[in-house]
Amino acid sequence: EAETEAALDRIRFTTDLDEAVSDADFVTEAAVEKQSVKEDIFADLDRAAHREAILATNTSGLNITRLAEVTDRPGQVVGTHWFNPPMLMDLVEVIVTEHTEESVVDTAETLVESFGKTPIRCRRDIPSFIVNRLMRPYGEEPAWMVYRGEHTMREIDAAMKYGEGFPMGPFELADYTGAIQLRVEGAEDHLEDDRPLSYDTDVCPLLYQLYEKGRYGRKTDAGYYDYADRDEPEIPVDAGQGFDALLVWAPIVNEAAKLVQHDVATPEDIDTGARLGGNWPQGPLEKADEVGADAVLSRLTEVASRHERTAKVAETLPCDLLVEKADAGETFY
C-alpha cells in the first residue's frame, strides 16, 4: 500500500499542455485515433516541449511519419503502441519512421523495458504496424467464408477457440472489440493511406449488412451474435469438428511473411507480438514451420481462388517469400 501511495504521489494531473510537457524528456500522446487531432497535438507538443525531448504516439495504426513532419524534430518522433489494458498486457510495439533516429528508438525500447514490458520493433511506418495487421485477416477471411455460405460462424469460432487454442474465435472477438464498426468506418481512411503496404481491399458485404442494422457487437447487444439475453455467445465445443483451421491461418501467415519480406519486422518479433499482443497460442510463423510452408501455400491458394473481386484477391495472393519457402522446403526459423 505504501508503494502504491508513493507511486500516486509522483503523478501530476493537468489539462494545461504547456505545463505538462515543459520539463519532460519523453512525452507520450494517447488521444483519440484521428489523424488530424494527433497532428494538431504534435504541433503543440513541438512548441511546448524542450528541444531534446522525444515525442511518442500511442496510435495503433495511424501515420506516424505525418505526425513527425508537422514538427521541427522529426528524428525525435517515435511510435510506442501500448496494448490495452496496459497494466495487464506485456507488449509494446515501437514503430520507426524514415526520420526516427536510432538513439531515439533505443531510448524508447529501454523505457518500455524499464516498465517490465516487452518491446517489439516495427522497422517501417506501415498501416496497423505488426499485431493489428495479423488480426485483420483473422477477422476478414472468416467473414467472407460466412458471407459466401461456405461455413457458419459457430463452426469457425469453435475450431479456432477450442481446436487451435485462441482466446476467442474471430466472430466472438469482433463483437468484443467492436470491429464491425471500426472496419466499416475506417475503410475510407485506409484507402487514402499512402504508406508502404497500404490496404486496397474490399470490406466484406456482411459487415455492411450488420453495420446498417446497428449491430456493432456487444456494446449494442448484437453483432455477429445476439447478446440481449446472454453475456456470451453459444459456441458448442464440437461445432468446429471437420473445419480446416489452416484456411484461417494461411492468410495470417502470408501477412506475417510479407512483414519479413519487406523488412518490417523479424520472425521473432512477429511471433512474440502475436503471443503477447493477441494472446495467441503460437505465432503465425511458428505455425508455418509446424505444418510446412507448402501446406500454408496450398490453403492460401484455395482461399484466394474463392474471391471473385480482384482487389480482394490481391490481399490473399501469396507473397514471394512464402512461395520461396514452400518451393525450397525451408522454414522461417
C-alpha atoms as a PDB file:
ATOM      1  CA  GLU A   1       0.000   0.000   0.000  1.00  0.00           C
ATOM      2  CA  ALA A   2       2.834   2.401   0.826  1.00  0.00           C
ATOM      3  CA  GLU A   3       4.436   1.695  -2.552  1.00  0.00           C
ATOM      4  CA  THR A   4       1.135   2.395  -4.284  1.00  0.00           C
ATOM      5  CA  GLU A   5       0.709   5.689  -2.446  1.00  0.00           C
ATOM      6  CA  ALA A   6       4.266   6.695  -3.305  1.00  0.00           C
ATOM      7  CA  ALA A   7       3.649   5.986  -6.984  1.00  0.00           C
ATOM      8  CA  LEU A   8       0.429   8.005  -6.971  1.00  0.00           C
ATOM      9  CA  ASP A   9       2.251  10.898  -5.316  1.00  0.00           C
ATOM     10  CA  ARG A  10       4.629  11.020  -8.280  1.00  0.00           C
ATOM     11  CA  ILE A  11       1.758  11.512 -10.730  1.00  0.00           C
ATOM     12  CA  ARG A  12       0.634  15.032 -11.550  1.00  0.00           C
ATOM     13  CA  PHE A  13      -2.612  15.783 -13.379  1.00  0.00           C
ATOM     14  CA  THR A  14      -3.172  18.851 -15.528  1.00  0.00           C
ATOM     15  CA  THR A  15      -5.205  19.974 -18.525  1.00  0.00           C
ATOM     16  CA  ASP A  16      -2.532  22.522 -19.472  1.00  0.00           C
ATOM     17  CA  LEU A  17      -0.345  21.029 -22.208  1.00  0.00           C
ATOM     18  CA  ASP A  18       2.488  23.528 -21.712  1.00  0.00           C
ATOM     19  CA  GLU A  19       2.652  22.769 -18.005  1.00  0.00           C
ATOM     20  CA  ALA A  20       2.505  19.029 -18.646  1.00  0.00           C
ATOM     21  CA  VAL A  21       5.451  18.774 -21.039  1.00  0.00           C
ATOM     22  CA  SER A  22       7.691  21.761 -20.322  1.00  0.00           C
ATOM     23  CA  ASP A  23      10.276  19.712 -18.401  1.00  0.00           C
ATOM     24  CA  ALA A  24       9.518  16.251 -19.819  1.00  0.00           C
ATOM     25  CA  ASP A  25      12.223  14.232 -21.575  1.00  0.00           C
ATOM     26  CA  PHE A  26       9.815  11.670 -23.060  1.00  0.00           C
ATOM     27  CA  VAL A  27       6.232  12.611 -23.967  1.00  0.00           C
ATOM     28  CA  THR A  28       3.586  10.042 -24.932  1.00  0.00           C
ATOM     29  CA  GLU A  29       0.412  11.188 -26.704  1.00  0.00           C
ATOM     30  CA  ALA A  30      -2.649   8.935 -26.355  1.00  0.00           C
ATOM     31  CA  ALA A  31      -5.505  10.970 -27.835  1.00  0.00           C
ATOM     32  CA  VAL A  32      -8.422   9.702 -29.924  1.00  0.00           C
ATOM     33  CA  GLU A  33      -7.484   7.769 -33.101  1.00  0.00           C
ATOM     34  CA  LYS A  34      -7.950  10.663 -35.517  1.00  0.00           C
ATOM     35  CA  GLN A  35      -5.019  11.702 -37.701  1.00  0.00           C
ATOM     36  CA  SER A  36      -5.934  15.405 -37.735  1.00  0.00           C
ATOM     37  CA  VAL A  37      -6.358  15.536 -33.953  1.00  0.00           C
ATOM     38  CA  LYS A  38      -2.986  13.944 -33.365  1.00  0.00           C
ATOM     39  CA  GLU A  39      -1.266  16.229 -35.880  1.00  0.00           C
ATOM     40  CA  ASP A  40      -2.604  19.294 -34.059  1.00  0.00           C
ATOM     41  CA  ILE A  41      -1.389  17.895 -30.741  1.00  0.00           C
ATOM     42  CA  PHE A  42       2.074  17.141 -32.111  1.00  0.00           C
ATOM     43  CA  ALA A  43       2.404  20.669 -33.448  1.00  0.00           C
ATOM     44  CA  ASP A  44       1.578  21.946 -29.949  1.00  0.00           C
ATOM     45  CA  LEU A  45       3.926  19.453 -28.285  1.00  0.00           C
ATOM     46  CA  ASP A  46       6.750  20.512 -30.570  1.00  0.00           C
ATOM     47  CA  ARG A  47       6.253  24.104 -29.487  1.00  0.00           C
ATOM     48  CA  ALA A  48       5.911  23.373 -25.775  1.00  0.00           C
ATOM     49  CA  ALA A  49       8.474  20.630 -25.112  1.00  0.00           C
ATOM     50  CA  HIS A  50      12.190  21.345 -24.748  1.00  0.00           C
ATOM     51  CA  ARG A  51      14.281  20.715 -27.848  1.00  0.00           C
ATOM     52  CA  GLU A  52      15.829  17.434 -26.692  1.00  0.00           C
ATOM     53  CA  ALA A  53      12.506  15.855 -25.708  1.00  0.00           C
ATOM     54  CA  ILE A  54      11.327  12.729 -27.506  1.00  0.00           C
ATOM     55  CA  LEU A  55       7.714  12.798 -28.716  1.00  0.00           C
ATOM     56  CA  ALA A  56       5.930   9.433 -28.872  1.00  0.00           C
ATOM     57  CA  THR A  57       2.457   8.455 -30.038  1.00  0.00           C
ATOM     58  CA  ASN A  58       0.349   5.570 -28.771  1.00  0.00           C
ATOM     59  CA  THR A  59      -1.545   5.204 -32.063  1.00  0.00           C
ATOM     60  CA  SER A  60      -2.487   1.665 -33.025  1.00  0.00           C
ATOM     61  CA  GLY A  61      -2.033   2.233 -36.731  1.00  0.00           C
ATOM     62  CA  LEU A  62      -2.175   5.867 -37.894  1.00  0.00           C
ATOM     63  CA  ASN A  63       0.509   7.612 -39.967  1.00  0.00           C
ATOM     64  CA  ILE A  64       3.373   8.446 -37.602  1.00  0.00           C
ATOM     65  CA  THR A  65       5.523   9.874 -40.391  1.00  0.00           C
ATOM     66  CA  ARG A  66       2.963  12.624 -40.913  1.00  0.00           C
ATOM     67  CA  LEU A  67       2.960  13.338 -37.174  1.00  0.00           C
ATOM     68  CA  ALA A  68       6.733  13.683 -37.274  1.00  0.00           C
ATOM     69  CA  GLU A  69       6.592  16.027 -40.245  1.00  0.00           C
ATOM     70  CA  VAL A  70       4.371  18.596 -38.511  1.00  0.00           C
ATOM     71  CA  THR A  71       7.221  19.099 -36.025  1.00  0.00           C
ATOM     72  CA  ASP A  72      10.676  20.635 -36.293  1.00  0.00           C
ATOM     73  CA  ARG A  73      12.147  17.474 -34.719  1.00  0.00           C
ATOM     74  CA  PRO A  74      11.057  14.560 -36.965  1.00  0.00           C
ATOM     75  CA  GLY A  75      14.040  12.496 -35.861  1.00  0.00           C
ATOM     76  CA  GLN A  76      12.798  12.600 -32.277  1.00  0.00           C
ATOM     77  CA  VAL A  77       9.320  11.243 -33.048  1.00  0.00           C
ATOM     78  CA  VAL A  78       8.599   7.546 -32.493  1.00  0.00           C
ATOM     79  CA  GLY A  79       5.619   5.247 -32.095  1.00  0.00           C
ATOM     80  CA  THR A  80       5.034   3.386 -28.833  1.00  0.00           C
ATOM     81  CA  HIS A  81       1.830   1.377 -29.161  1.00  0.00           C
ATOM     82  CA  TRP A  82       0.844   0.058 -25.730  1.00  0.00           C
ATOM     83  CA  PHE A  83      -1.651  -2.794 -25.809  1.00  0.00           C
ATOM     84  CA  ASN A  84      -4.846  -2.393 -23.829  1.00  0.00           C
ATOM     85  CA  PRO A  85      -5.175  -2.657 -20.880  1.00  0.00           C
ATOM     86  CA  PRO A  86      -1.510  -1.639 -20.455  1.00  0.00           C
ATOM     87  CA  MET A  87      -1.287  -2.714 -16.814  1.00  0.00           C
ATOM     88  CA  LEU A  88      -2.096  -6.280 -17.872  1.00  0.00           C
ATOM     89  CA  MET A  89      -0.650  -6.560 -21.384  1.00  0.00           C
ATOM     90  CA  ASP A  90       3.102  -7.137 -21.647  1.00  0.00           C
ATOM     91  CA  LEU A  91       3.580  -5.964 -25.237  1.00  0.00           C
ATOM     92  CA  VAL A  92       4.549  -2.570 -26.687  1.00  0.00           C
ATOM     93  CA  GLU A  93       5.176  -2.019 -30.403  1.00  0.00           C
ATOM     94  CA  VAL A  94       7.960   0.504 -31.071  1.00  0.00           C
ATOM     95  CA  ILE A  95       7.438   1.987 -34.536  1.00  0.00           C
ATOM     96  CA  VAL A  96      10.224   3.604 -36.539  1.00  0.00           C
ATOM     97  CA  THR A  97       9.624   6.185 -39.273  1.00  0.00           C
ATOM     98  CA  GLU A  98      12.070   7.096 -42.021  1.00  0.00           C
ATOM     99  CA  HIS A  99      13.062  10.083 -39.867  1.00  0.00           C
ATOM    100  CA  THR A 100      13.453   8.441 -36.447  1.00  0.00           C
ATOM    101  CA  GLU A 101      16.986   8.490 -35.060  1.00  0.00           C
ATOM    102  CA  GLU A 102      18.394   5.165 -33.834  1.00  0.00           C
ATOM    103  CA  SER A 103      19.173   6.636 -30.425  1.00  0.00           C
ATOM    104  CA  VAL A 104      15.505   7.602 -30.053  1.00  0.00           C
ATOM    105  CA  VAL A 105      14.406   4.036 -30.833  1.00  0.00           C
ATOM    106  CA  ASP A 106      16.905   2.677 -28.304  1.00  0.00           C
ATOM    107  CA  THR A 107      15.622   5.086 -25.656  1.00  0.00           C
ATOM    108  CA  ALA A 108      12.007   4.110 -26.327  1.00  0.00           C
ATOM    109  CA  GLU A 109      12.785   0.401 -26.064  1.00  0.00           C
ATOM    110  CA  THR A 110      14.814   0.893 -22.887  1.00  0.00           C
ATOM    111  CA  LEU A 111      11.966   2.875 -21.326  1.00  0.00           C
ATOM    112  CA  VAL A 112       9.454   0.168 -22.259  1.00  0.00           C
ATOM    113  CA  GLU A 113      11.669  -2.495 -20.691  1.00  0.00           C
ATOM    114  CA  SER A 114      12.048  -0.404 -17.530  1.00  0.00           C
ATOM    115  CA  PHE A 115       8.279  -0.730 -17.069  1.00  0.00           C
ATOM    116  CA  GLY A 116       8.594  -4.506 -17.247  1.00  0.00           C
ATOM    117  CA  LYS A 117       7.131  -4.690 -20.754  1.00  0.00           C
ATOM    118  CA  THR A 118       8.388  -6.426 -23.904  1.00  0.00           C
ATOM    119  CA  PRO A 119       9.099  -4.173 -26.906  1.00  0.00           C
ATOM    120  CA  ILE A 120       8.957  -5.426 -30.481  1.00  0.00           C
ATOM    121  CA  ARG A 121      10.321  -3.241 -33.258  1.00  0.00           C
ATOM    122  CA  CYS A 122       8.294  -2.248 -36.317  1.00  0.00           C
ATOM    123  CA  ARG A 123      11.058  -1.038 -38.638  1.00  0.00           C
ATOM    124  CA  ARG A 124       8.776   0.760 -41.090  1.00  0.00           C
ATOM    125  CA  ASP A 125       5.753   3.004 -40.597  1.00  0.00           C
ATOM    126  CA  ILE A 126       3.027   0.929 -42.250  1.00  0.00           C
ATOM    127  CA  PRO A 127      -0.739   0.833 -41.598  1.00  0.00           C
ATOM    128  CA  SER A 128      -1.654  -1.163 -38.474  1.00  0.00           C
ATOM    129  CA  PHE A 129       2.020  -1.970 -37.731  1.00  0.00           C
ATOM    130  CA  ILE A 130       2.543  -5.634 -36.731  1.00  0.00           C
ATOM    131  CA  VAL A 131      -0.063  -7.227 -34.463  1.00  0.00           C
ATOM    132  CA  ASN A 132      -3.123  -5.450 -35.868  1.00  0.00           C
ATOM    133  CA  ARG A 133      -2.034  -6.466 -39.377  1.00  0.00           C
ATOM    134  CA  LEU A 134      -2.181 -10.077 -38.223  1.00  0.00           C
ATOM    135  CA  MET A 135      -5.547  -9.523 -36.555  1.00  0.00           C
ATOM    136  CA  ARG A 136      -7.107  -8.167 -39.751  1.00  0.00           C
ATOM    137  CA  PRO A 137      -7.098 -11.413 -41.782  1.00  0.00           C
ATOM    138  CA  TYR A 138      -8.106 -13.325 -38.634  1.00  0.00           C
ATOM    139  CA  GLY A 139     -11.429 -11.499 -38.794  1.00  0.00           C
ATOM    140  CA  GLU A 140     -11.568 -10.730 -42.501  1.00  0.00           C
ATOM    141  CA  GLU A 141     -11.366 -14.105 -44.217  1.00  0.00           C
ATOM    142  CA  PRO A 142     -13.831 -15.864 -41.874  1.00  0.00           C
ATOM    143  CA  ALA A 143     -16.380 -13.116 -42.603  1.00  0.00           C
ATOM    144  CA  TRP A 144     -16.087 -13.821 -46.323  1.00  0.00           C
ATOM    145  CA  MET A 145     -16.480 -17.564 -45.703  1.00  0.00           C
ATOM    146  CA  VAL A 146     -19.741 -16.967 -43.853  1.00  0.00           C
ATOM    147  CA  TYR A 147     -20.962 -14.400 -46.397  1.00  0.00           C
ATOM    148  CA  ARG A 148     -20.464 -16.906 -49.220  1.00  0.00           C
ATOM    149  CA  GLY A 149     -22.291 -19.591 -47.243  1.00  0.00           C
ATOM    150  CA  GLU A 150     -19.278 -21.900 -47.031  1.00  0.00           C
ATOM    151  CA  HIS A 151     -19.117 -22.153 -43.240  1.00  0.00           C
ATOM    152  CA  THR A 152     -21.006 -20.935 -40.163  1.00  0.00           C
ATOM    153  CA  MET A 153     -19.801 -18.515 -37.504  1.00  0.00           C
ATOM    154  CA  ARG A 154     -20.022 -21.126 -34.766  1.00  0.00           C
ATOM    155  CA  GLU A 155     -18.158 -23.650 -36.887  1.00  0.00           C
ATOM    156  CA  ILE A 156     -15.226 -21.283 -37.390  1.00  0.00           C
ATOM    157  CA  ASP A 157     -15.256 -19.860 -33.858  1.00  0.00           C
ATOM    158  CA  ALA A 158     -15.319 -23.323 -32.300  1.00  0.00           C
ATOM    159  CA  ALA A 159     -12.466 -24.532 -34.498  1.00  0.00           C
ATOM    160  CA  MET A 160     -10.223 -21.565 -33.693  1.00  0.00           C
ATOM    161  CA  LYS A 161     -11.120 -21.292 -29.999  1.00  0.00           C
ATOM    162  CA  TYR A 162     -11.358 -24.914 -28.908  1.00  0.00           C
ATOM    163  CA  GLY A 163      -9.328 -26.574 -31.648  1.00  0.00           C
ATOM    164  CA  GLU A 164      -6.482 -24.089 -32.138  1.00  0.00           C
ATOM    165  CA  GLY A 165      -6.430 -22.518 -28.681  1.00  0.00           C
ATOM    166  CA  PHE A 166      -7.218 -18.877 -29.494  1.00  0.00           C
ATOM    167  CA  PRO A 167      -8.796 -16.897 -26.617  1.00  0.00           C
ATOM    168  CA  MET A 168     -11.781 -16.133 -28.851  1.00  0.00           C
ATOM    169  CA  GLY A 169     -12.902 -17.126 -32.301  1.00  0.00           C
ATOM    170  CA  PRO A 170     -12.852 -14.386 -34.971  1.00  0.00           C
ATOM    171  CA  PHE A 171     -16.571 -13.541 -34.702  1.00  0.00           C
ATOM    172  CA  GLU A 172     -16.679 -13.586 -30.914  1.00  0.00           C
ATOM    173  CA  LEU A 173     -13.587 -11.354 -30.890  1.00  0.00           C
ATOM    174  CA  ALA A 174     -15.050  -8.936 -33.436  1.00  0.00           C
ATOM    175  CA  ASP A 175     -18.145  -8.492 -31.284  1.00  0.00           C
ATOM    176  CA  TYR A 176     -15.973  -7.926 -28.217  1.00  0.00           C
ATOM    177  CA  THR A 177     -13.767  -5.264 -29.846  1.00  0.00           C
ATOM    178  CA  GLY A 178     -16.409  -3.514 -31.960  1.00  0.00           C
ATOM    179  CA  ALA A 179     -14.527  -4.458 -35.127  1.00  0.00           C
ATOM    180  CA  ILE A 180     -17.613  -4.288 -37.357  1.00  0.00           C
ATOM    181  CA  GLN A 181     -17.992  -0.553 -36.800  1.00  0.00           C
ATOM    182  CA  LEU A 182     -14.240   0.086 -36.867  1.00  0.00           C
ATOM    183  CA  ARG A 183     -13.747  -1.768 -40.153  1.00  0.00           C
ATOM    184  CA  VAL A 184     -16.643  -0.115 -41.979  1.00  0.00           C
ATOM    185  CA  GLU A 185     -15.982   3.419 -40.734  1.00  0.00           C
ATOM    186  CA  GLY A 186     -12.230   3.086 -41.270  1.00  0.00           C
ATOM    187  CA  ALA A 187     -12.418   1.754 -44.831  1.00  0.00           C
ATOM    188  CA  GLU A 188     -12.102   5.168 -46.482  1.00  0.00           C
ATOM    189  CA  ASP A 189      -9.155   6.163 -44.296  1.00  0.00           C
ATOM    190  CA  HIS A 190      -7.302   3.006 -45.308  1.00  0.00           C
ATOM    191  CA  LEU A 191      -7.830   3.738 -48.995  1.00  0.00           C
ATOM    192  CA  GLU A 192      -6.370   7.233 -48.536  1.00  0.00           C
ATOM    193  CA  ASP A 193      -3.269   5.949 -46.726  1.00  0.00           C
ATOM    194  CA  ASP A 194      -0.191   6.303 -48.934  1.00  0.00           C
ATOM    195  CA  ARG A 195       2.279   4.445 -46.727  1.00  0.00           C
ATOM    196  CA  PRO A 196       4.043   1.257 -47.866  1.00  0.00           C
ATOM    197  CA  LEU A 197       1.896  -1.900 -47.681  1.00  0.00           C
ATOM    198  CA  SER A 198      -1.288   0.173 -47.528  1.00  0.00           C
ATOM    199  CA  TYR A 199      -4.588  -1.689 -47.789  1.00  0.00           C
ATOM    200  CA  ASP A 200      -6.541  -1.648 -51.039  1.00  0.00           C
ATOM    201  CA  THR A 201      -9.226  -4.238 -50.467  1.00  0.00           C
ATOM    202  CA  ASP A 202     -12.970  -4.600 -50.240  1.00  0.00           C
ATOM    203  CA  VAL A 203     -14.871  -4.703 -46.970  1.00  0.00           C
ATOM    204  CA  CYS A 204     -16.907  -7.901 -46.767  1.00  0.00           C
ATOM    205  CA  PRO A 205     -20.571  -7.065 -47.548  1.00  0.00           C
ATOM    206  CA  LEU A 206     -21.603  -8.994 -44.430  1.00  0.00           C
ATOM    207  CA  LEU A 207     -20.049  -6.258 -42.297  1.00  0.00           C
ATOM    208  CA  TYR A 208     -22.011  -3.556 -44.126  1.00  0.00           C
ATOM    209  CA  GLN A 209     -25.229  -5.507 -43.599  1.00  0.00           C
ATOM    210  CA  LEU A 210     -24.606  -5.726 -39.854  1.00  0.00           C
ATOM    211  CA  TYR A 211     -23.441  -2.107 -39.642  1.00  0.00           C
ATOM    212  CA  GLU A 212     -26.560  -0.776 -41.365  1.00  0.00           C
ATOM    213  CA  LYS A 213     -28.683  -2.635 -38.806  1.00  0.00           C
ATOM    214  CA  GLY A 214     -26.729  -1.078 -35.940  1.00  0.00           C
ATOM    215  CA  ARG A 215     -25.281  -4.455 -34.975  1.00  0.00           C
ATOM    216  CA  TYR A 216     -21.825  -3.324 -33.852  1.00  0.00           C
ATOM    217  CA  GLY A 217     -21.164  -6.031 -31.265  1.00  0.00           C
ATOM    218  CA  ARG A 218     -21.565  -6.423 -27.525  1.00  0.00           C
ATOM    219  CA  LYS A 219     -21.970  -2.695 -26.931  1.00  0.00           C
ATOM    220  CA  THR A 220     -25.218  -2.698 -28.955  1.00  0.00           C
ATOM    221  CA  ASP A 221     -26.362  -6.122 -27.663  1.00  0.00           C
ATOM    222  CA  ALA A 222     -25.996  -7.501 -31.174  1.00  0.00           C
ATOM    223  CA  GLY A 223     -23.245  -8.047 -33.698  1.00  0.00           C
ATOM    224  CA  TYR A 224     -22.461 -11.346 -35.303  1.00  0.00           C
ATOM    225  CA  TYR A 225     -24.173 -12.871 -32.270  1.00  0.00           C
ATOM    226  CA  ASP A 226     -27.105 -11.672 -30.126  1.00  0.00           C
ATOM    227  CA  TYR A 227     -26.407 -10.603 -26.545  1.00  0.00           C
ATOM    228  CA  ALA A 228     -29.782  -9.316 -25.351  1.00  0.00           C
ATOM    229  CA  ASP A 229     -30.474 -12.476 -23.343  1.00  0.00           C
ATOM    230  CA  ARG A 230     -26.952 -13.760 -22.710  1.00  0.00           C
ATOM    231  CA  ASP A 231     -23.489 -12.388 -21.923  1.00  0.00           C
ATOM    232  CA  GLU A 232     -21.561 -14.908 -24.010  1.00  0.00           C
ATOM    233  CA  PRO A 233     -22.332 -16.369 -27.435  1.00  0.00           C
ATOM    234  CA  GLU A 234     -23.319 -20.017 -27.509  1.00  0.00           C
ATOM    235  CA  ILE A 235     -20.484 -21.824 -29.296  1.00  0.00           C
ATOM    236  CA  PRO A 236     -20.671 -25.617 -28.930  1.00  0.00           C
ATOM    237  CA  VAL A 237     -17.270 -27.236 -28.413  1.00  0.00           C
ATOM    238  CA  ASP A 238     -17.835 -29.766 -31.171  1.00  0.00           C
ATOM    239  CA  ALA A 239     -19.191 -27.268 -33.722  1.00  0.00           C
ATOM    240  CA  GLY A 240     -15.798 -26.871 -35.383  1.00  0.00           C
ATOM    241  CA  GLN A 241     -15.118 -30.535 -35.997  1.00  0.00           C
ATOM    242  CA  GLY A 242     -14.180 -31.013 -39.630  1.00  0.00           C
ATOM    243  CA  PHE A 243     -13.292 -27.351 -40.264  1.00  0.00           C
ATOM    244  CA  ASP A 244      -9.787 -26.841 -41.679  1.00  0.00           C
ATOM    245  CA  ALA A 245      -8.238 -24.170 -39.432  1.00  0.00           C
ATOM    246  CA  LEU A 246      -5.410 -23.652 -41.931  1.00  0.00           C
ATOM    247  CA  LEU A 247      -7.904 -21.778 -44.106  1.00  0.00           C
ATOM    248  CA  VAL A 248      -7.879 -19.099 -41.393  1.00  0.00           C
ATOM    249  CA  TRP A 249      -4.185 -19.423 -40.558  1.00  0.00           C
ATOM    250  CA  ALA A 250      -2.958 -19.200 -44.170  1.00  0.00           C
ATOM    251  CA  PRO A 251      -3.780 -15.511 -44.862  1.00  0.00           C
ATOM    252  CA  ILE A 252      -2.333 -14.615 -41.451  1.00  0.00           C
ATOM    253  CA  VAL A 253       0.905 -16.463 -42.212  1.00  0.00           C
ATOM    254  CA  ASN A 254       1.016 -14.734 -45.593  1.00  0.00           C
ATOM    255  CA  GLU A 255       0.701 -11.342 -43.900  1.00  0.00           C
ATOM    256  CA  ALA A 256       3.468 -12.250 -41.459  1.00  0.00           C
ATOM    257  CA  ALA A 257       5.703 -13.386 -44.323  1.00  0.00           C
ATOM    258  CA  LYS A 258       5.093 -10.044 -46.064  1.00  0.00           C
ATOM    259  CA  LEU A 259       6.331  -8.240 -42.959  1.00  0.00           C
ATOM    260  CA  VAL A 260       9.559 -10.239 -43.053  1.00  0.00           C
ATOM    261  CA  GLN A 261       9.950  -9.870 -46.818  1.00  0.00           C
ATOM    262  CA  HIS A 262       9.569  -6.092 -46.645  1.00  0.00           C
ATOM    263  CA  ASP A 263      11.894  -5.753 -43.631  1.00  0.00           C
ATOM    264  CA  VAL A 264       9.126  -4.537 -41.340  1.00  0.00           C
ATOM    265  CA  ALA A 265       9.877  -6.966 -38.518  1.00  0.00           C
ATOM    266  CA  THR A 266      11.796 -10.120 -37.649  1.00  0.00           C
ATOM    267  CA  PRO A 267      10.073 -13.503 -37.361  1.00  0.00           C
ATOM    268  CA  GLU A 268      10.838 -13.454 -33.636  1.00  0.00           C
ATOM    269  CA  ASP A 269       9.183 -10.067 -33.089  1.00  0.00           C
ATOM    270  CA  ILE A 270       6.169 -11.008 -35.219  1.00  0.00           C
ATOM    271  CA  ASP A 271       5.525 -14.199 -33.281  1.00  0.00           C
ATOM    272  CA  THR A 272       6.200 -12.518 -29.937  1.00  0.00           C
ATOM    273  CA  GLY A 273       3.669  -9.860 -30.896  1.00  0.00           C
ATOM    274  CA  ALA A 274       1.023 -12.450 -31.741  1.00  0.00           C
ATOM    275  CA  ARG A 275       1.527 -14.308 -28.473  1.00  0.00           C
ATOM    276  CA  LEU A 276       1.773 -11.302 -26.148  1.00  0.00           C
ATOM    277  CA  GLY A 277      -0.434  -8.827 -28.014  1.00  0.00           C
ATOM    278  CA  GLY A 278      -3.128 -11.222 -29.176  1.00  0.00           C
ATOM    279  CA  ASN A 279      -2.728 -13.963 -26.569  1.00  0.00           C
ATOM    280  CA  TRP A 280      -2.463 -16.415 -29.455  1.00  0.00           C
ATOM    281  CA  PRO A 281      -1.342 -19.981 -28.739  1.00  0.00           C
ATOM    282  CA  GLN A 282       1.584 -19.554 -31.133  1.00  0.00           C
ATOM    283  CA  GLY A 283       2.880 -17.074 -33.662  1.00  0.00           C
ATOM    284  CA  PRO A 284       1.950 -17.400 -37.357  1.00  0.00           C
ATOM    285  CA  LEU A 285       5.488 -18.176 -38.480  1.00  0.00           C
ATOM    286  CA  GLU A 286       5.830 -20.771 -35.742  1.00  0.00           C
ATOM    287  CA  LYS A 287       2.615 -22.274 -37.117  1.00  0.00           C
ATOM    288  CA  ALA A 288       4.025 -22.192 -40.651  1.00  0.00           C
ATOM    289  CA  ASP A 289       7.137 -24.071 -39.568  1.00  0.00           C
ATOM    290  CA  GLU A 290       4.986 -26.602 -37.720  1.00  0.00           C
ATOM    291  CA  VAL A 291       2.749 -27.515 -40.670  1.00  0.00           C
ATOM    292  CA  GLY A 292       5.100 -26.598 -43.520  1.00  0.00           C
ATOM    293  CA  ALA A 293       5.084 -23.607 -45.844  1.00  0.00           C
ATOM    294  CA  ASP A 294       3.815 -25.836 -48.664  1.00  0.00           C
ATOM    295  CA  ALA A 295       0.662 -26.680 -46.697  1.00  0.00           C
ATOM    296  CA  VAL A 296       0.106 -22.994 -45.930  1.00  0.00           C
ATOM    297  CA  LEU A 297       0.597 -22.081 -49.586  1.00  0.00           C
ATOM    298  CA  SER A 298      -1.910 -24.724 -50.668  1.00  0.00           C
ATOM    299  CA  ARG A 299      -4.616 -23.361 -48.346  1.00  0.00           C
ATOM    300  CA  LEU A 300      -3.822 -19.755 -49.245  1.00  0.00           C
ATOM    301  CA  THR A 301      -4.236 -20.538 -52.937  1.00  0.00           C
ATOM    302  CA  GLU A 302      -7.602 -22.091 -52.126  1.00  0.00           C
ATOM    303  CA  VAL A 303      -8.686 -19.016 -50.147  1.00  0.00           C
ATOM    304  CA  ALA A 304      -7.639 -16.680 -52.970  1.00  0.00           C
ATOM    305  CA  SER A 305      -9.486 -18.758 -55.573  1.00  0.00           C
ATOM    306  CA  ARG A 306     -12.766 -18.253 -53.699  1.00  0.00           C
ATOM    307  CA  HIS A 307     -12.701 -14.472 -54.199  1.00  0.00           C
ATOM    308  CA  GLU A 308     -14.237 -13.002 -57.325  1.00  0.00           C
ATOM    309  CA  ARG A 309     -13.129  -9.415 -56.706  1.00  0.00           C
ATOM    310  CA  THR A 310      -9.614  -8.665 -57.984  1.00  0.00           C
ATOM    311  CA  ALA A 311      -8.922  -6.121 -55.250  1.00  0.00           C
ATOM    312  CA  LYS A 312      -9.774  -8.641 -52.586  1.00  0.00           C
ATOM    313  CA  VAL A 313      -7.702 -11.386 -54.198  1.00  0.00           C
ATOM    314  CA  ALA A 314      -4.661  -9.097 -54.129  1.00  0.00           C
ATOM    315  CA  GLU A 315      -4.548  -9.330 -50.343  1.00  0.00           C
ATOM    316  CA  THR A 316      -4.589 -13.123 -50.351  1.00  0.00           C
ATOM    317  CA  LEU A 317      -2.135 -13.735 -53.194  1.00  0.00           C
ATOM    318  CA  PRO A 318       0.963 -15.493 -51.809  1.00  0.00           C
ATOM    319  CA  CYS A 319       3.910 -13.200 -51.176  1.00  0.00           C
ATOM    320  CA  ASP A 320       7.255 -14.078 -52.776  1.00  0.00           C
ATOM    321  CA  LEU A 321       8.898 -15.140 -49.523  1.00  0.00           C
ATOM    322  CA  LEU A 322       6.172 -17.656 -48.696  1.00  0.00           C
ATOM    323  CA  VAL A 323       6.417 -19.158 -52.188  1.00  0.00           C
ATOM    324  CA  GLU A 324      10.209 -19.384 -51.876  1.00  0.00           C
ATOM    325  CA  LYS A 325       9.959 -21.129 -48.504  1.00  0.00           C
ATOM    326  CA  ALA A 326       7.398 -23.599 -49.860  1.00  0.00           C
ATOM    327  CA  ASP A 327       9.370 -24.374 -53.027  1.00  0.00           C
ATOM    328  CA  ALA A 328      12.634 -24.871 -51.128  1.00  0.00           C
ATOM    329  CA  GLY A 329      11.094 -26.726 -48.204  1.00  0.00           C
ATOM    330  CA  GLU A 330      12.569 -24.111 -45.867  1.00  0.00           C
ATOM    331  CA  THR A 331      11.368 -22.800 -42.521  1.00  0.00           C
ATOM    332  CA  PHE A 332      11.235 -19.264 -41.121  1.00  0.00           C
ATOM    333  CA  TYR A 333      13.480 -20.256 -38.212  1.00  0.00           C
END
